[in-house]
N, C-alpha and C. Protein backbone atom coordinates (compact mmCIF):
# COMPACT_ATOMS: atom_id res chain seq x y z
N MET A 1 0.84 -1.16 0.00
CA MET A 1 0.00 0.00 0.00
C MET A 1 0.89 1.23 0.00
N LEU A 2 0.62 2.17 -0.88
CA LEU A 2 1.45 3.36 -0.98
C LEU A 2 0.62 4.59 -0.69
N PHE A 3 1.11 5.43 0.18
CA PHE A 3 0.44 6.68 0.52
C PHE A 3 1.35 7.82 0.10
N ILE A 4 0.87 8.67 -0.78
CA ILE A 4 1.68 9.76 -1.30
C ILE A 4 1.18 11.08 -0.72
N GLY A 5 2.13 11.97 -0.41
CA GLY A 5 1.76 13.32 -0.01
C GLY A 5 1.58 13.51 1.48
N CYS A 6 1.94 12.54 2.29
CA CYS A 6 1.84 12.76 3.73
C CYS A 6 3.19 12.46 4.37
N ASN A 7 3.69 13.40 5.15
CA ASN A 7 4.95 13.18 5.84
C ASN A 7 4.74 12.20 6.99
N MET A 8 5.79 11.56 7.38
CA MET A 8 5.69 10.55 8.44
C MET A 8 5.70 11.18 9.82
N LYS A 9 5.03 10.53 10.74
CA LYS A 9 5.22 10.91 12.13
C LYS A 9 6.30 9.99 12.68
N ILE A 10 7.10 10.53 13.57
CA ILE A 10 8.22 9.78 14.13
C ILE A 10 7.84 9.32 15.53
N VAL A 11 7.92 8.02 15.73
CA VAL A 11 7.59 7.40 17.01
C VAL A 11 8.88 6.85 17.62
N ILE A 12 9.17 7.24 18.85
CA ILE A 12 10.30 6.66 19.58
C ILE A 12 9.72 5.60 20.51
N SER A 13 10.21 4.38 20.38
CA SER A 13 9.77 3.27 21.21
C SER A 13 10.95 2.86 22.10
N CYS A 14 10.78 3.02 23.39
CA CYS A 14 11.86 2.76 24.34
C CYS A 14 11.30 1.94 25.49
N HIS A 15 11.83 0.74 25.68
CA HIS A 15 11.27 -0.11 26.73
C HIS A 15 11.87 0.20 28.10
N MET A 16 11.05 0.02 29.09
CA MET A 16 11.47 0.10 30.49
C MET A 16 11.65 -1.34 30.94
N ASP A 17 12.87 -1.73 31.21
CA ASP A 17 13.14 -3.13 31.52
C ASP A 17 12.41 -3.57 32.77
N THR A 18 11.94 -4.78 32.73
CA THR A 18 11.16 -5.32 33.86
C THR A 18 11.78 -6.58 34.45
N VAL A 19 13.05 -6.88 34.11
CA VAL A 19 13.67 -8.08 34.67
C VAL A 19 14.19 -7.85 36.07
N TYR A 20 14.25 -6.59 36.48
CA TYR A 20 14.76 -6.28 37.81
C TYR A 20 13.61 -5.94 38.75
N ARG A 21 13.75 -6.32 39.99
CA ARG A 21 12.76 -5.91 40.98
C ARG A 21 12.98 -4.45 41.35
N ASP A 22 14.23 -4.05 41.52
CA ASP A 22 14.57 -2.67 41.87
C ASP A 22 15.70 -2.16 40.98
N PRO A 23 15.39 -1.77 39.73
CA PRO A 23 16.46 -1.30 38.85
C PRO A 23 17.01 0.03 39.35
N PHE A 24 18.31 0.17 39.25
CA PHE A 24 18.94 1.41 39.67
C PHE A 24 20.18 1.63 38.80
N ALA A 25 20.65 2.84 38.82
CA ALA A 25 21.91 3.17 38.16
C ALA A 25 22.41 4.46 38.77
N LYS A 26 23.72 4.62 38.78
CA LYS A 26 24.32 5.87 39.27
C LYS A 26 25.50 6.22 38.39
N VAL A 27 25.88 7.48 38.42
CA VAL A 27 27.00 7.95 37.60
C VAL A 27 28.27 7.93 38.44
N ILE A 28 29.30 7.26 37.90
CA ILE A 28 30.61 7.18 38.56
C ILE A 28 31.68 7.44 37.51
N ASP A 29 32.43 8.52 37.66
CA ASP A 29 33.56 8.83 36.78
C ASP A 29 33.20 8.76 35.30
N GLY A 30 32.09 9.34 34.91
CA GLY A 30 31.71 9.38 33.50
C GLY A 30 31.02 8.15 32.97
N TRP A 31 30.68 7.23 33.86
CA TRP A 31 29.99 6.00 33.46
C TRP A 31 28.66 5.90 34.21
N LEU A 32 27.63 5.43 33.51
CA LEU A 32 26.39 5.03 34.16
C LEU A 32 26.61 3.59 34.61
N VAL A 33 26.46 3.32 35.88
CA VAL A 33 26.73 1.99 36.42
C VAL A 33 25.47 1.47 37.08
N GLY A 34 25.09 0.24 36.75
CA GLY A 34 23.89 -0.36 37.32
C GLY A 34 23.05 -1.01 36.25
N ALA A 35 21.75 -0.81 36.29
CA ALA A 35 20.82 -1.43 35.34
C ALA A 35 20.77 -0.60 34.05
N CYS A 36 21.82 -0.69 33.26
CA CYS A 36 21.90 0.13 32.04
C CYS A 36 20.87 -0.26 30.99
N ASP A 37 20.40 -1.48 31.02
CA ASP A 37 19.34 -1.94 30.13
C ASP A 37 18.02 -1.82 30.90
N ASN A 38 17.25 -0.80 30.70
CA ASN A 38 17.36 0.11 29.58
C ASN A 38 17.40 1.56 30.09
N VAL A 39 17.98 1.74 31.27
CA VAL A 39 18.11 3.08 31.86
C VAL A 39 18.92 3.98 30.94
N ALA A 40 19.98 3.47 30.32
CA ALA A 40 20.81 4.28 29.43
C ALA A 40 19.99 4.85 28.28
N SER A 41 19.11 4.05 27.72
CA SER A 41 18.27 4.51 26.61
C SER A 41 17.25 5.54 27.06
N ILE A 42 16.67 5.33 28.21
CA ILE A 42 15.69 6.29 28.72
C ILE A 42 16.36 7.64 28.95
N LEU A 43 17.59 7.63 29.45
CA LEU A 43 18.34 8.88 29.64
C LEU A 43 18.64 9.55 28.29
N ALA A 44 18.97 8.76 27.28
CA ALA A 44 19.23 9.32 25.96
C ALA A 44 17.97 9.98 25.40
N VAL A 45 16.84 9.30 25.52
CA VAL A 45 15.58 9.82 25.01
C VAL A 45 15.13 11.06 25.79
N SER A 46 15.45 11.11 27.07
CA SER A 46 15.01 12.24 27.90
C SER A 46 15.56 13.58 27.39
N GLN A 47 16.65 13.54 26.63
CA GLN A 47 17.24 14.77 26.10
C GLN A 47 16.38 15.43 25.03
N ILE A 48 15.48 14.65 24.41
CA ILE A 48 14.66 15.19 23.33
C ILE A 48 13.17 15.14 23.66
N ILE A 49 12.85 14.91 24.90
CA ILE A 49 11.46 14.69 25.29
C ILE A 49 10.54 15.86 24.94
N ALA A 50 11.06 17.06 24.89
CA ALA A 50 10.23 18.23 24.59
C ALA A 50 10.22 18.59 23.10
N LYS A 51 10.80 17.75 22.26
CA LYS A 51 10.86 18.04 20.82
C LYS A 51 9.45 18.05 20.23
N PRO A 52 9.07 19.12 19.55
CA PRO A 52 7.72 19.19 18.96
C PRO A 52 7.47 18.07 17.96
N GLY A 53 6.28 17.52 17.99
CA GLY A 53 5.88 16.51 17.04
C GLY A 53 6.38 15.11 17.33
N LEU A 54 7.08 14.93 18.42
CA LEU A 54 7.63 13.62 18.77
C LEU A 54 6.58 12.77 19.49
N TYR A 55 6.45 11.54 19.07
CA TYR A 55 5.59 10.59 19.76
C TYR A 55 6.50 9.65 20.55
N LEU A 56 6.56 9.84 21.85
CA LEU A 56 7.40 9.02 22.70
C LEU A 56 6.55 7.94 23.36
N GLU A 57 6.95 6.69 23.17
CA GLU A 57 6.22 5.55 23.72
C GLU A 57 7.17 4.74 24.60
N LEU A 58 6.95 4.76 25.91
CA LEU A 58 7.71 3.92 26.84
C LEU A 58 6.96 2.60 26.96
N THR A 59 7.63 1.52 26.62
CA THR A 59 6.96 0.22 26.56
C THR A 59 7.44 -0.68 27.70
N GLU A 60 6.73 -1.79 27.85
CA GLU A 60 7.10 -2.78 28.86
C GLU A 60 7.02 -4.16 28.24
N ASP A 61 7.43 -5.16 28.98
CA ASP A 61 7.36 -6.57 28.58
C ASP A 61 8.25 -6.87 27.37
N GLU A 62 9.34 -6.14 27.21
CA GLU A 62 10.24 -6.36 26.08
C GLU A 62 10.93 -7.71 26.18
N GLU A 63 11.17 -8.19 27.38
CA GLU A 63 11.93 -9.43 27.56
C GLU A 63 11.15 -10.69 27.21
N LEU A 64 9.82 -10.65 27.29
CA LEU A 64 9.02 -11.86 27.07
C LEU A 64 8.16 -11.81 25.81
N HIS A 65 7.11 -11.01 25.84
CA HIS A 65 6.12 -11.04 24.76
C HIS A 65 6.04 -9.75 23.94
N MET A 66 6.76 -8.73 24.36
CA MET A 66 6.75 -7.43 23.69
C MET A 66 5.35 -6.84 23.61
N ASP A 67 4.57 -7.04 24.65
CA ASP A 67 3.20 -6.52 24.67
C ASP A 67 3.16 -5.00 24.56
N GLY A 68 4.13 -4.31 25.15
CA GLY A 68 4.17 -2.86 25.05
C GLY A 68 4.34 -2.40 23.61
N ALA A 69 5.25 -3.03 22.88
CA ALA A 69 5.47 -2.69 21.48
C ALA A 69 4.24 -3.04 20.64
N ARG A 70 3.58 -4.13 20.97
CA ARG A 70 2.34 -4.50 20.26
C ARG A 70 1.28 -3.42 20.44
N CYS A 71 1.18 -2.90 21.64
CA CYS A 71 0.23 -1.83 21.92
C CYS A 71 0.57 -0.58 21.10
N VAL A 72 1.84 -0.23 21.03
CA VAL A 72 2.28 0.92 20.23
C VAL A 72 1.95 0.69 18.76
N ALA A 73 2.21 -0.51 18.26
CA ALA A 73 1.95 -0.82 16.86
C ALA A 73 0.46 -0.70 16.53
N ARG A 74 -0.41 -1.07 17.46
CA ARG A 74 -1.85 -0.94 17.24
C ARG A 74 -2.30 0.52 17.25
N LYS A 75 -1.57 1.35 17.98
CA LYS A 75 -1.92 2.76 18.15
C LYS A 75 -1.53 3.61 16.94
N HIS A 76 -0.48 3.21 16.22
CA HIS A 76 0.03 3.96 15.09
C HIS A 76 -0.16 3.15 13.81
N LYS A 77 -0.05 3.81 12.67
CA LYS A 77 -0.25 3.15 11.38
C LYS A 77 1.09 3.00 10.66
N PRO A 78 1.38 1.81 10.14
CA PRO A 78 2.64 1.60 9.43
C PRO A 78 2.82 2.52 8.22
N GLU A 79 1.74 2.87 7.57
CA GLU A 79 1.86 3.66 6.33
C GLU A 79 2.24 5.12 6.56
N ASP A 80 2.08 5.63 7.78
CA ASP A 80 2.45 7.04 7.99
C ASP A 80 3.34 7.26 9.21
N SER A 81 3.94 6.18 9.72
CA SER A 81 4.79 6.29 10.91
C SER A 81 6.15 5.64 10.67
N PHE A 82 7.17 6.24 11.23
CA PHE A 82 8.51 5.64 11.25
C PHE A 82 8.86 5.44 12.72
N VAL A 83 9.25 4.22 13.10
CA VAL A 83 9.55 3.91 14.49
C VAL A 83 11.06 3.84 14.69
N ILE A 84 11.53 4.61 15.67
CA ILE A 84 12.92 4.51 16.11
C ILE A 84 12.91 3.81 17.45
N ILE A 85 13.51 2.64 17.50
CA ILE A 85 13.58 1.87 18.73
C ILE A 85 14.86 2.26 19.44
N GLN A 86 14.75 2.60 20.71
CA GLN A 86 15.91 2.98 21.51
C GLN A 86 16.22 1.87 22.50
N ASP A 87 17.44 1.32 22.42
CA ASP A 87 17.79 0.16 23.23
C ASP A 87 19.29 0.23 23.57
N VAL A 88 19.82 -0.87 24.06
CA VAL A 88 21.25 -0.99 24.33
C VAL A 88 21.79 -2.21 23.60
N THR A 89 23.10 -2.25 23.44
CA THR A 89 23.77 -3.38 22.80
C THR A 89 25.06 -3.66 23.55
N VAL A 90 25.61 -4.83 23.36
CA VAL A 90 26.88 -5.18 24.00
C VAL A 90 28.01 -4.43 23.30
N ARG A 91 28.82 -3.73 24.08
CA ARG A 91 29.94 -2.98 23.52
C ARG A 91 30.96 -3.95 22.94
N GLY A 92 31.31 -3.76 21.67
CA GLY A 92 32.29 -4.60 21.01
C GLY A 92 33.72 -4.20 21.34
N LYS A 93 34.65 -5.11 21.12
CA LYS A 93 36.06 -4.81 21.33
C LYS A 93 36.50 -3.76 20.32
N GLY A 94 37.32 -2.83 20.77
CA GLY A 94 37.82 -1.79 19.89
C GLY A 94 36.82 -0.69 19.58
N TRP A 95 35.75 -0.59 20.36
CA TRP A 95 34.72 0.41 20.10
C TRP A 95 34.96 1.69 20.90
N ASN A 96 36.17 2.02 21.21
CA ASN A 96 36.44 3.21 22.02
C ASN A 96 35.89 4.48 21.39
N LYS A 97 35.89 4.55 20.07
CA LYS A 97 35.40 5.74 19.39
C LYS A 97 33.98 5.58 18.87
N ILE A 98 33.36 4.44 19.11
CA ILE A 98 31.99 4.19 18.68
C ILE A 98 31.04 4.63 19.79
N ASN A 99 30.11 5.54 19.46
CA ASN A 99 29.16 6.03 20.47
C ASN A 99 27.84 5.27 20.48
N PHE A 100 27.48 4.65 19.36
CA PHE A 100 26.22 3.90 19.31
C PHE A 100 26.22 3.00 18.08
N THR A 101 25.22 2.15 18.02
CA THR A 101 25.02 1.32 16.83
C THR A 101 23.65 1.62 16.24
N ILE A 102 23.54 1.39 14.95
CA ILE A 102 22.25 1.36 14.26
C ILE A 102 22.05 -0.09 13.87
N GLU A 103 20.95 -0.67 14.31
CA GLU A 103 20.69 -2.09 14.08
C GLU A 103 19.27 -2.29 13.58
N ASN A 104 19.03 -3.44 12.97
CA ASN A 104 17.68 -3.89 12.62
C ASN A 104 16.86 -2.84 11.89
N TRP A 105 17.41 -2.26 10.81
CA TRP A 105 16.62 -1.27 10.07
C TRP A 105 15.84 -1.94 8.96
N TYR A 106 14.68 -1.37 8.69
CA TYR A 106 13.79 -1.90 7.67
C TYR A 106 13.01 -0.74 7.05
N GLY A 107 12.84 -0.77 5.74
CA GLY A 107 12.06 0.26 5.07
C GLY A 107 12.78 1.58 4.92
N ILE A 108 14.10 1.55 5.07
CA ILE A 108 14.91 2.75 4.88
C ILE A 108 16.25 2.31 4.29
N GLN A 109 16.68 2.99 3.25
CA GLN A 109 17.96 2.66 2.63
C GLN A 109 19.10 3.19 3.50
N ASP A 110 20.22 2.49 3.45
CA ASP A 110 21.41 2.87 4.22
C ASP A 110 21.80 4.32 3.97
N LYS A 111 21.66 4.77 2.72
CA LYS A 111 22.11 6.13 2.38
C LYS A 111 21.37 7.19 3.20
N HIS A 112 20.12 6.94 3.54
CA HIS A 112 19.37 7.90 4.36
C HIS A 112 19.89 7.92 5.80
N ILE A 113 20.22 6.76 6.31
CA ILE A 113 20.77 6.70 7.67
C ILE A 113 22.10 7.45 7.70
N ARG A 114 22.95 7.18 6.71
CA ARG A 114 24.26 7.84 6.66
C ARG A 114 24.13 9.35 6.49
N SER A 115 23.18 9.79 5.68
CA SER A 115 22.97 11.23 5.49
C SER A 115 22.51 11.89 6.79
N ALA A 116 21.59 11.24 7.47
CA ALA A 116 21.05 11.81 8.72
C ALA A 116 22.12 11.87 9.80
N LEU A 117 23.02 10.89 9.83
CA LEU A 117 23.98 10.76 10.93
C LEU A 117 25.41 11.12 10.53
N LYS A 118 25.54 11.92 9.49
CA LYS A 118 26.87 12.35 9.04
C LYS A 118 27.59 13.06 10.19
N GLY A 119 28.85 12.66 10.44
CA GLY A 119 29.65 13.27 11.49
C GLY A 119 29.62 12.53 12.82
N PHE A 120 28.71 11.57 12.97
CA PHE A 120 28.65 10.78 14.21
C PHE A 120 29.54 9.54 14.08
N ASN A 121 30.03 9.02 15.21
CA ASN A 121 30.82 7.79 15.25
C ASN A 121 29.91 6.65 15.70
N TYR A 122 29.55 5.80 14.74
CA TYR A 122 28.63 4.70 15.04
C TYR A 122 28.96 3.51 14.15
N ARG A 123 28.36 2.40 14.44
CA ARG A 123 28.53 1.19 13.66
C ARG A 123 27.16 0.71 13.21
N MET A 124 27.05 0.26 11.97
CA MET A 124 25.79 -0.27 11.45
C MET A 124 25.86 -1.79 11.47
N ILE A 125 24.84 -2.40 12.07
CA ILE A 125 24.74 -3.86 12.17
C ILE A 125 23.36 -4.24 11.63
N LYS A 126 23.32 -4.70 10.38
CA LYS A 126 22.03 -4.94 9.70
C LYS A 126 21.11 -5.85 10.49
N ASP A 127 21.61 -6.99 10.89
CA ASP A 127 20.77 -7.95 11.61
C ASP A 127 21.26 -8.06 13.04
N GLY A 128 20.83 -7.14 13.87
CA GLY A 128 21.20 -7.16 15.28
C GLY A 128 20.41 -8.23 16.03
N SER A 129 20.61 -8.28 17.32
CA SER A 129 19.91 -9.28 18.12
C SER A 129 18.43 -8.95 18.21
N GLU A 130 17.67 -9.91 18.66
CA GLU A 130 16.21 -9.76 18.75
C GLU A 130 15.84 -8.54 19.58
N SER A 131 14.90 -7.78 19.07
CA SER A 131 14.45 -6.58 19.77
C SER A 131 13.04 -6.24 19.30
N GLU A 132 12.52 -5.16 19.83
CA GLU A 132 11.20 -4.69 19.41
C GLU A 132 11.19 -4.34 17.93
N ALA A 133 12.34 -4.04 17.35
CA ALA A 133 12.41 -3.73 15.92
C ALA A 133 11.89 -4.90 15.09
N TRP A 134 12.15 -6.12 15.53
CA TRP A 134 11.67 -7.28 14.80
C TRP A 134 10.14 -7.29 14.75
N LEU A 135 9.51 -6.95 15.85
CA LEU A 135 8.06 -6.92 15.91
C LEU A 135 7.51 -5.80 15.01
N TYR A 136 8.10 -4.60 15.10
CA TYR A 136 7.62 -3.50 14.26
C TYR A 136 7.77 -3.84 12.78
N LYS A 137 8.88 -4.46 12.40
CA LYS A 137 9.08 -4.87 11.01
C LYS A 137 8.00 -5.86 10.60
N GLU A 138 7.75 -6.85 11.45
CA GLU A 138 6.73 -7.86 11.18
C GLU A 138 5.35 -7.23 10.98
N MET A 139 5.10 -6.13 11.67
CA MET A 139 3.80 -5.47 11.59
C MET A 139 3.77 -4.39 10.50
N GLY A 140 4.83 -4.33 9.68
CA GLY A 140 4.83 -3.49 8.49
C GLY A 140 5.39 -2.09 8.66
N PHE A 141 6.00 -1.79 9.80
CA PHE A 141 6.54 -0.45 10.02
C PHE A 141 7.94 -0.31 9.43
N ALA A 142 8.24 0.87 8.90
CA ALA A 142 9.61 1.25 8.60
C ALA A 142 10.22 1.61 9.95
N CYS A 143 11.43 1.14 10.21
CA CYS A 143 12.01 1.36 11.54
C CYS A 143 13.52 1.19 11.51
N LEU A 144 14.13 1.64 12.58
CA LEU A 144 15.53 1.34 12.85
C LEU A 144 15.72 1.41 14.35
N GLU A 145 16.78 0.78 14.79
CA GLU A 145 17.10 0.72 16.22
C GLU A 145 18.42 1.44 16.45
N ILE A 146 18.46 2.30 17.44
CA ILE A 146 19.70 2.97 17.82
C ILE A 146 20.03 2.53 19.24
N ASP A 147 21.24 2.00 19.43
CA ASP A 147 21.60 1.36 20.69
C ASP A 147 22.81 2.01 21.36
N VAL A 148 22.70 2.20 22.65
CA VAL A 148 23.82 2.65 23.48
C VAL A 148 24.67 1.42 23.81
N PRO A 149 25.98 1.44 23.57
CA PRO A 149 26.83 0.30 23.92
C PRO A 149 26.99 0.17 25.45
N VAL A 150 26.91 -1.08 25.91
CA VAL A 150 26.96 -1.39 27.34
C VAL A 150 27.99 -2.48 27.58
N MET A 151 28.74 -2.35 28.68
CA MET A 151 29.69 -3.38 29.09
C MET A 151 29.16 -4.08 30.34
N GLY A 152 29.56 -5.34 30.52
CA GLY A 152 29.23 -6.05 31.76
C GLY A 152 27.94 -6.82 31.73
N GLY A 153 27.39 -7.06 30.55
CA GLY A 153 26.15 -7.83 30.45
C GLY A 153 24.94 -6.94 30.38
N LEU A 154 23.98 -7.31 29.57
CA LEU A 154 22.79 -6.48 29.40
C LEU A 154 21.86 -6.54 30.60
N HIS A 155 21.62 -7.72 31.11
CA HIS A 155 20.71 -7.86 32.26
C HIS A 155 21.51 -8.07 33.53
N SER A 156 22.35 -7.09 33.81
CA SER A 156 23.19 -7.14 35.00
C SER A 156 23.04 -5.85 35.78
N LEU A 157 23.07 -5.94 37.06
CA LEU A 157 23.03 -4.74 37.89
C LEU A 157 24.42 -4.11 38.02
N ASP A 158 25.39 -4.69 37.30
CA ASP A 158 26.75 -4.15 37.30
C ASP A 158 27.19 -3.72 35.90
N SER A 159 26.25 -3.52 35.00
CA SER A 159 26.63 -3.10 33.65
C SER A 159 27.03 -1.63 33.65
N ARG A 160 27.73 -1.22 32.57
CA ARG A 160 28.23 0.15 32.49
C ARG A 160 28.03 0.70 31.08
N ALA A 161 27.64 1.96 31.02
CA ALA A 161 27.53 2.68 29.75
C ALA A 161 28.17 4.04 29.92
N ARG A 162 28.92 4.49 28.92
CA ARG A 162 29.56 5.81 29.00
C ARG A 162 28.51 6.91 28.92
N ILE A 163 28.62 7.87 29.81
CA ILE A 163 27.74 9.04 29.77
C ILE A 163 27.91 9.76 28.43
N GLU A 164 29.12 9.83 27.94
CA GLU A 164 29.39 10.46 26.64
C GLU A 164 28.52 9.83 25.55
N ASP A 165 28.43 8.50 25.54
CA ASP A 165 27.63 7.80 24.52
C ASP A 165 26.15 8.14 24.66
N ILE A 166 25.66 8.18 25.88
CA ILE A 166 24.24 8.50 26.13
C ILE A 166 23.93 9.90 25.61
N LEU A 167 24.81 10.85 25.86
CA LEU A 167 24.60 12.22 25.39
C LEU A 167 24.64 12.31 23.86
N VAL A 168 25.57 11.59 23.25
CA VAL A 168 25.67 11.58 21.79
C VAL A 168 24.43 10.93 21.17
N VAL A 169 23.93 9.87 21.78
CA VAL A 169 22.72 9.23 21.27
C VAL A 169 21.54 10.20 21.28
N GLY A 170 21.43 11.01 22.31
CA GLY A 170 20.37 12.03 22.34
C GLY A 170 20.47 12.97 21.15
N LYS A 171 21.70 13.38 20.81
CA LYS A 171 21.92 14.27 19.66
C LYS A 171 21.62 13.55 18.34
N ALA A 172 21.99 12.27 18.27
CA ALA A 172 21.72 11.48 17.06
C ALA A 172 20.21 11.29 16.87
N LEU A 173 19.50 11.05 17.95
CA LEU A 173 18.04 10.93 17.86
C LEU A 173 17.43 12.22 17.33
N ASP A 174 17.89 13.35 17.85
CA ASP A 174 17.41 14.65 17.41
C ASP A 174 17.63 14.83 15.91
N ARG A 175 18.82 14.46 15.45
CA ARG A 175 19.16 14.59 14.03
C ARG A 175 18.31 13.66 13.17
N LEU A 176 18.13 12.42 13.62
CA LEU A 176 17.30 11.46 12.87
C LEU A 176 15.87 11.96 12.73
N ILE A 177 15.33 12.48 13.83
CA ILE A 177 13.95 12.97 13.81
C ILE A 177 13.81 14.12 12.82
N ASP A 178 14.75 15.06 12.86
CA ASP A 178 14.71 16.18 11.92
C ASP A 178 14.80 15.70 10.48
N TYR A 179 15.66 14.73 10.22
CA TYR A 179 15.85 14.23 8.86
C TYR A 179 14.59 13.51 8.36
N LEU A 180 14.03 12.65 9.21
CA LEU A 180 12.93 11.80 8.78
C LEU A 180 11.57 12.50 8.75
N SER A 181 11.39 13.50 9.59
CA SER A 181 10.04 14.05 9.79
C SER A 181 9.47 14.74 8.55
N ASP A 182 10.30 15.20 7.64
CA ASP A 182 9.75 15.84 6.44
C ASP A 182 9.80 14.92 5.22
N LYS A 183 10.05 13.64 5.45
CA LYS A 183 10.11 12.67 4.36
C LYS A 183 8.79 11.90 4.26
N GLU A 184 8.58 11.32 3.09
CA GLU A 184 7.49 10.38 2.90
C GLU A 184 8.10 8.99 2.89
N ARG A 185 7.35 8.04 3.39
CA ARG A 185 7.87 6.67 3.47
C ARG A 185 8.32 6.17 2.11
N SER A 186 7.59 6.51 1.07
CA SER A 186 7.93 6.03 -0.27
C SER A 186 9.28 6.54 -0.76
N ASN A 187 9.78 7.63 -0.15
CA ASN A 187 11.08 8.18 -0.56
C ASN A 187 12.25 7.57 0.19
N LEU A 188 11.99 6.77 1.20
CA LEU A 188 13.07 6.21 2.01
C LEU A 188 13.60 4.89 1.51
N SER A 189 12.77 4.14 0.76
CA SER A 189 13.19 2.81 0.37
C SER A 189 12.55 2.41 -0.95
N ASP A 190 13.30 1.66 -1.75
CA ASP A 190 12.77 1.16 -3.02
C ASP A 190 11.60 0.20 -2.81
N ILE A 191 11.47 -0.34 -1.60
CA ILE A 191 10.39 -1.28 -1.31
C ILE A 191 9.04 -0.64 -1.59
N TYR A 192 8.95 0.67 -1.40
CA TYR A 192 7.67 1.36 -1.49
C TYR A 192 7.47 2.13 -2.80
N LYS A 193 8.39 1.95 -3.75
CA LYS A 193 8.25 2.66 -5.02
C LYS A 193 7.19 2.00 -5.89
N VAL A 194 6.45 2.81 -6.63
CA VAL A 194 5.46 2.30 -7.56
C VAL A 194 6.20 1.86 -8.83
N GLU A 195 5.90 0.67 -9.29
CA GLU A 195 6.56 0.13 -10.50
C GLU A 195 5.93 0.75 -11.73
């Protein structure tokens, strides 16, 4: 189905982890230490919370059934929405200069991601680990996932994320939203072109 002439609304989907009974995190020497999944992402998103036209959706149940993401998907329409999933990923070796990853993108060509994020230090991982992005893709949404790198295990109360990375992710989200908000879905990917 192709819809022409309507710009997309940008939806940020960020889960609040529920595997902990008492999630916490604190800042120590430039690092967020504690339940970084998904506190680091919530902190990144908080930097743009007042951005006009932003649809921010904090979800739950990401670890089991993704019921929160399902609720978001029912609330928005795939034909006029672009979903940016905010999550964390395991920090890779040698990623000292990498501030975030872009993973699990669908319905958007790489060139658009690179144009939007020119000047940022990030890594693109086409098929990242299972996340809410998989569900949004399955339900027909154009989407991508932006992840804060974390050390020490994702579901650990001793994980660590650099404050620098969290701040940069907030700026990258702002840039992505500005880039995508005046686009039409049909202009982002050949998947939606009329033959």
